[in-house]
Amino acid sequence: MDKYQVKILDIKEEYKNVFTYTLEKPDELMWDEGSSFHLALPGYDTGSEINKKLVHHLSINTLTDEGNIRFTTKIPIRKSVFKKALSNLNVGDEVTIFKIKSHMALRREDKPIVLLSQGLAMSTMRPLIKKFEIDNSNIPELISINVNKKDNHLYEKDFECVDGSCFVKYWLESRNEYLEKLVEIAKEKSDAYFYVVGSEIFVLDSLYTLRENGIANEQIIIDKDLEKRDIVFETLANYNMII
């Protein structure tokens, strides 16, 4: 397993308690859009065993070509051990990254793609949209639906230049608005691939709604490996959506 020790280049507060960290990119490191990685903070390997409380799984919200590694995360007032340690780091400090992989790369099969995300999960969707901006071959349409509070729209300016004729974005503020739009899109784009990222309840509610409206499991992409994906769909079999 390759590990990379990299410096923090920038820390930016997006809005209250939400921060984007920019890390340097090793020259040889490449990744696909929609990738995630493990971030280990200083001290994680000083004992006889790895301190898992100082390691966290996060989405990379940049593409390789952008020349850096960025992630966005919430650092609340009541912090976990990891978030407390992260909040104490500064520009110039070093962290370790490893286990970089993607379950979310764009499917180029001449079918629409619908991105469904909640809050900070837009972090996973940003590189998919940017990749589509660079190369939309064999993707007739990309639709992004994000549910979040008003004025808390991550990366909104990043998408202003994406071709509006084949890229449609919705910023919704309530769960009811989201579910209504999801039913509408599922019926209109019945052959599409649906990428879903968010809290456990958001994912299950979204999958339940998609399934109820004729979308097959094979059309649904979640940020899990095959084994964990199977567990999610097994859970869905006995799931009653929370209204």
Protein backbone atom coordinates (compact mmCIF):
# COMPACT_ATOMS: atom_id res chain seq x y z
CA MET A 1 0.00 0.00 0.00
CA ASP A 2 1.48 3.32 -1.12
CA LYS A 3 1.53 6.12 1.42
CA TYR A 4 2.30 9.75 0.69
CA GLN A 5 3.36 12.40 3.17
CA VAL A 6 2.15 15.78 1.93
CA LYS A 7 1.99 19.36 3.18
CA ILE A 8 -1.12 21.41 3.82
CA LEU A 9 -1.07 24.29 1.30
CA ASP A 10 -4.25 26.14 2.26
CA ILE A 11 -7.18 26.08 4.69
CA LYS A 12 -10.34 27.93 3.67
CA GLU A 13 -13.58 28.36 5.61
CA GLU A 14 -16.43 27.85 3.11
CA TYR A 15 -19.13 28.78 5.60
CA LYS A 16 -19.68 28.30 9.33
CA ASN A 17 -17.79 25.22 10.61
CA VAL A 18 -17.10 23.95 7.07
CA PHE A 19 -13.51 24.00 5.82
CA THR A 20 -11.69 23.07 2.63
CA TYR A 21 -8.11 21.82 2.99
CA THR A 22 -5.74 21.92 0.04
CA LEU A 23 -2.86 19.42 0.06
CA GLU A 24 0.13 19.21 -2.21
CA LYS A 25 -0.05 16.53 -4.91
CA PRO A 26 2.86 14.13 -5.38
CA ASP A 27 3.96 14.22 -9.04
CA GLU A 28 3.40 10.50 -9.57
CA LEU A 29 -0.02 10.34 -7.92
CA MET A 30 -3.04 9.96 -10.23
CA TRP A 31 -6.70 9.27 -9.43
CA ASP A 32 -10.08 8.99 -11.14
CA GLU A 33 -12.96 11.40 -10.59
CA GLY A 34 -15.07 10.51 -7.57
CA SER A 35 -12.11 9.12 -5.63
CA SER A 36 -11.81 8.92 -1.87
CA PHE A 37 -8.79 8.45 0.35
CA HIS A 38 -7.68 7.88 3.92
CA LEU A 39 -6.18 10.88 5.70
CA ALA A 40 -3.90 10.17 8.65
CA LEU A 41 -2.87 12.96 10.99
CA PRO A 42 0.47 13.33 12.80
CA GLY A 43 0.85 10.76 15.59
CA TYR A 44 -1.37 8.11 14.02
CA ASP A 45 1.53 5.63 13.79
CA THR A 46 3.66 6.51 16.83
CA GLY A 47 2.47 3.62 19.01
CA SER A 48 2.71 -0.13 18.57
CA GLU A 49 -0.62 -0.04 16.71
CA ILE A 50 -2.21 2.44 14.30
CA ASN A 51 -4.33 5.01 16.14
CA LYS A 52 -7.51 4.74 14.07
CA LYS A 53 -8.98 7.77 15.82
CA LEU A 54 -6.48 9.87 13.84
CA VAL A 55 -7.43 8.35 10.47
CA HIS A 56 -10.50 9.35 8.47
CA HIS A 57 -12.03 8.46 5.08
CA LEU A 58 -12.73 11.51 2.88
CA SER A 59 -13.64 12.40 -0.69
CA ILE A 60 -11.17 14.14 -3.00
CA ASN A 61 -12.96 17.05 -4.64
CA THR A 62 -10.31 17.84 -7.26
CA LEU A 63 -9.14 16.17 -10.47
CA THR A 64 -5.55 15.11 -11.02
CA ASP A 65 -5.11 17.89 -13.60
CA GLU A 66 -5.93 20.57 -11.04
CA GLY A 67 -2.55 19.92 -9.43
CA ASN A 68 -3.59 19.57 -5.81
CA ILE A 69 -5.66 17.40 -3.49
CA ARG A 70 -8.62 19.07 -1.81
CA PHE A 71 -11.20 17.85 0.65
CA THR A 72 -14.02 19.62 2.45
CA THR A 73 -15.23 18.65 5.90
CA LYS A 74 -17.29 19.96 8.78
CA ILE A 75 -15.48 20.78 12.01
CA PRO A 76 -18.23 21.23 14.61
CA ILE A 77 -17.93 22.77 18.05
CA ARG A 78 -18.11 19.32 19.63
CA LYS A 79 -15.21 17.64 17.87
CA SER A 80 -14.16 14.01 17.52
CA VAL A 81 -10.51 13.16 18.24
CA PHE A 82 -9.79 13.36 14.49
CA LYS A 83 -11.57 16.68 13.94
CA LYS A 84 -9.92 18.23 16.99
CA ALA A 85 -6.48 17.18 15.74
CA LEU A 86 -7.30 18.40 12.23
CA SER A 87 -8.48 21.80 13.50
CA ASN A 88 -5.14 22.25 15.26
CA LEU A 89 -3.11 21.83 12.05
CA ASN A 90 -1.82 24.78 10.05
CA VAL A 91 -0.58 25.53 6.56
CA GLY A 92 2.83 23.87 6.18
CA ASP A 93 2.05 20.94 8.47
CA GLU A 94 2.33 17.45 6.99
CA VAL A 95 -0.28 14.69 6.84
CA THR A 96 -0.32 11.20 5.33
CA ILE A 97 -2.67 9.99 2.59
CA PHE A 98 -3.26 6.44 1.34
CA LYS A 99 -5.89 3.98 0.01
CA ILE A 100 -6.97 6.19 -2.89
CA LYS A 101 -9.78 4.59 -4.90
CA SER A 102 -12.96 5.43 -6.80
CA HIS A 103 -16.36 3.74 -6.96
CA MET A 104 -17.93 6.77 -8.64
CA ALA A 105 -16.25 7.29 -12.01
CA LEU A 106 -18.57 8.51 -14.77
CA ARG A 107 -20.32 5.84 -16.84
CA ARG A 108 -19.98 6.64 -20.55
CA GLU A 109 -22.73 4.47 -22.01
CA ASP A 110 -24.84 7.05 -23.89
CA LYS A 111 -27.21 7.35 -20.94
CA PRO A 112 -28.00 10.39 -18.75
CA ILE A 113 -26.32 10.61 -15.36
CA VAL A 114 -28.10 12.05 -12.32
CA LEU A 115 -26.05 13.10 -9.28
CA LEU A 116 -27.94 13.08 -5.97
CA SER A 117 -26.21 14.59 -2.96
CA GLN A 118 -26.88 16.07 0.45
CA GLY A 119 -24.89 18.90 1.98
CA LEU A 120 -21.15 18.30 1.99
CA ALA A 121 -21.60 15.22 -0.19
CA MET A 122 -21.37 17.73 -3.03
CA SER A 123 -17.66 17.32 -2.38
CA THR A 124 -17.83 13.91 -4.03
CA MET A 125 -19.84 15.25 -6.98
CA ARG A 126 -17.65 18.25 -7.83
CA PRO A 127 -14.92 16.28 -9.68
CA LEU A 128 -17.56 14.33 -11.63
CA ILE A 129 -19.04 17.62 -12.87
CA LYS A 130 -15.61 19.07 -13.65
CA LYS A 131 -14.67 15.90 -15.55
CA PHE A 132 -17.91 16.18 -17.53
CA GLU A 133 -17.00 19.79 -18.31
CA ILE A 134 -13.69 18.62 -19.79
CA ASP A 135 -15.07 15.57 -21.61
CA ASN A 136 -18.79 14.84 -21.96
CA SER A 137 -18.36 12.12 -24.58
CA ASN A 138 -21.04 9.40 -24.43
CA ILE A 139 -22.92 11.24 -21.67
CA PRO A 140 -25.93 12.98 -23.28
CA GLU A 141 -26.93 14.82 -20.11
CA LEU A 142 -25.70 15.39 -16.56
CA ILE A 143 -28.15 16.44 -13.83
CA SER A 144 -27.04 17.46 -10.33
CA ILE A 145 -29.47 17.71 -7.40
CA ASN A 146 -28.11 18.89 -4.05
CA VAL A 147 -30.11 19.41 -0.86
CA ASN A 148 -28.72 21.97 1.56
CA LYS A 149 -29.60 25.11 3.47
CA LYS A 150 -29.95 28.34 1.51
CA ASP A 151 -26.63 30.06 0.70
CA ASN A 152 -24.64 26.98 1.74
CA HIS A 153 -24.01 25.77 -1.81
CA LEU A 154 -20.54 24.33 -2.14
CA TYR A 155 -18.60 25.06 -5.35
CA GLU A 156 -21.56 26.81 -6.99
CA LYS A 157 -19.25 29.23 -8.84
CA ASP A 158 -17.20 26.30 -10.16
CA PHE A 159 -20.14 25.19 -12.27
CA GLU A 160 -21.15 28.52 -13.80
CA CYS A 161 -19.22 27.85 -17.02
CA VAL A 162 -20.40 24.28 -17.58
CA ASP A 163 -22.50 23.98 -20.75
CA GLY A 164 -26.09 24.54 -19.62
CA SER A 165 -27.55 22.71 -22.60
CA CYS A 166 -26.41 19.32 -21.30
CA PHE A 167 -25.79 20.10 -17.62
CA VAL A 168 -28.68 20.93 -15.29
CA LYS A 169 -28.28 21.70 -11.59
CA TYR A 170 -30.85 22.00 -8.83
CA TRP A 171 -30.16 23.47 -5.38
CA LEU A 172 -33.02 22.42 -3.11
CA GLU A 173 -33.60 23.37 0.51
CA SER A 174 -36.04 20.78 1.85
CA ARG A 175 -36.41 17.03 1.90
CA ASN A 176 -39.92 17.22 0.43
CA GLU A 177 -38.69 19.35 -2.49
CA TYR A 178 -35.93 16.82 -3.08
CA LEU A 179 -38.20 13.77 -3.06
CA GLU A 180 -40.67 15.44 -5.42
CA LYS A 181 -37.88 16.32 -7.84
CA LEU A 182 -36.39 12.82 -7.53
CA VAL A 183 -39.70 11.17 -8.48
CA GLU A 184 -40.03 13.55 -11.43
CA ILE A 185 -36.49 12.85 -12.67
CA ALA A 186 -36.79 9.08 -12.15
CA LYS A 187 -39.87 9.04 -14.40
CA GLU A 188 -38.37 11.35 -17.03
CA LYS A 189 -34.93 9.71 -17.10
CA SER A 190 -35.85 6.08 -16.55
CA ASP A 191 -32.72 4.85 -18.37
CA ALA A 192 -30.29 7.06 -16.42
CA TYR A 193 -27.58 6.15 -13.94
CA PHE A 194 -28.21 7.63 -10.48
CA TYR A 195 -25.20 8.45 -8.27
CA VAL A 196 -26.16 8.84 -4.61
CA VAL A 197 -24.01 10.30 -1.79
CA GLY A 198 -25.09 11.58 1.62
CA SER A 199 -26.05 10.45 5.10
CA GLU A 200 -27.23 6.88 5.63
CA ILE A 201 -30.88 7.99 5.82
CA PHE A 202 -30.50 10.19 2.72
CA VAL A 203 -29.03 7.30 0.74
CA LEU A 204 -31.68 4.81 1.87
CA ASP A 205 -34.53 7.25 1.25
CA SER A 206 -33.14 8.00 -2.21
CA LEU A 207 -32.68 4.33 -3.08
CA TYR A 208 -36.15 3.48 -1.79
CA THR A 209 -37.70 6.26 -3.90
CA LEU A 210 -35.76 5.24 -6.99
CA ARG A 211 -36.74 1.61 -6.61
CA GLU A 212 -40.40 2.55 -6.06
CA ASN A 213 -40.27 4.45 -9.34
CA GLY A 214 -38.87 1.70 -11.49
CA ILE A 215 -35.11 2.29 -11.27
CA ALA A 216 -33.14 -0.98 -11.14
CA ASN A 217 -30.30 -1.65 -8.69
CA GLU A 218 -27.87 -1.78 -11.62
CA GLN A 219 -28.65 1.86 -12.41
CA ILE A 220 -27.79 3.06 -8.91
CA ILE A 221 -24.19 3.96 -8.05
CA ILE A 222 -23.16 4.47 -4.40
CA ASP A 223 -19.74 5.16 -2.93
CA LYS A 224 -19.20 1.61 -1.65
CA ASP A 225 -17.25 -1.47 -2.69
CA LEU A 226 -19.24 -4.49 -3.89
CA GLU A 227 -19.51 -6.13 -0.45
CA LYS A 228 -20.72 -2.97 1.31
CA ARG A 229 -23.00 -2.17 -1.61
CA ASP A 230 -24.71 -5.54 -1.17
CA ILE A 231 -25.25 -4.79 2.54
CA VAL A 232 -26.91 -1.45 1.70
CA PHE A 233 -29.31 -3.09 -0.75
CA GLU A 234 -30.06 -5.89 1.72
CA THR A 235 -30.94 -3.22 4.31
CA LEU A 236 -33.19 -1.56 1.74
CA ALA A 237 -35.29 -4.70 1.41
CA ASN A 238 -36.71 -4.11 4.93
CA TYR A 239 -36.51 -0.32 4.94
CA ASN A 240 -39.51 1.92 5.53
CA MET A 241 -38.79 5.44 4.37
CA ILE A 242 -38.96 8.07 7.10
CA ILE A 243 -41.63 10.67 6.28
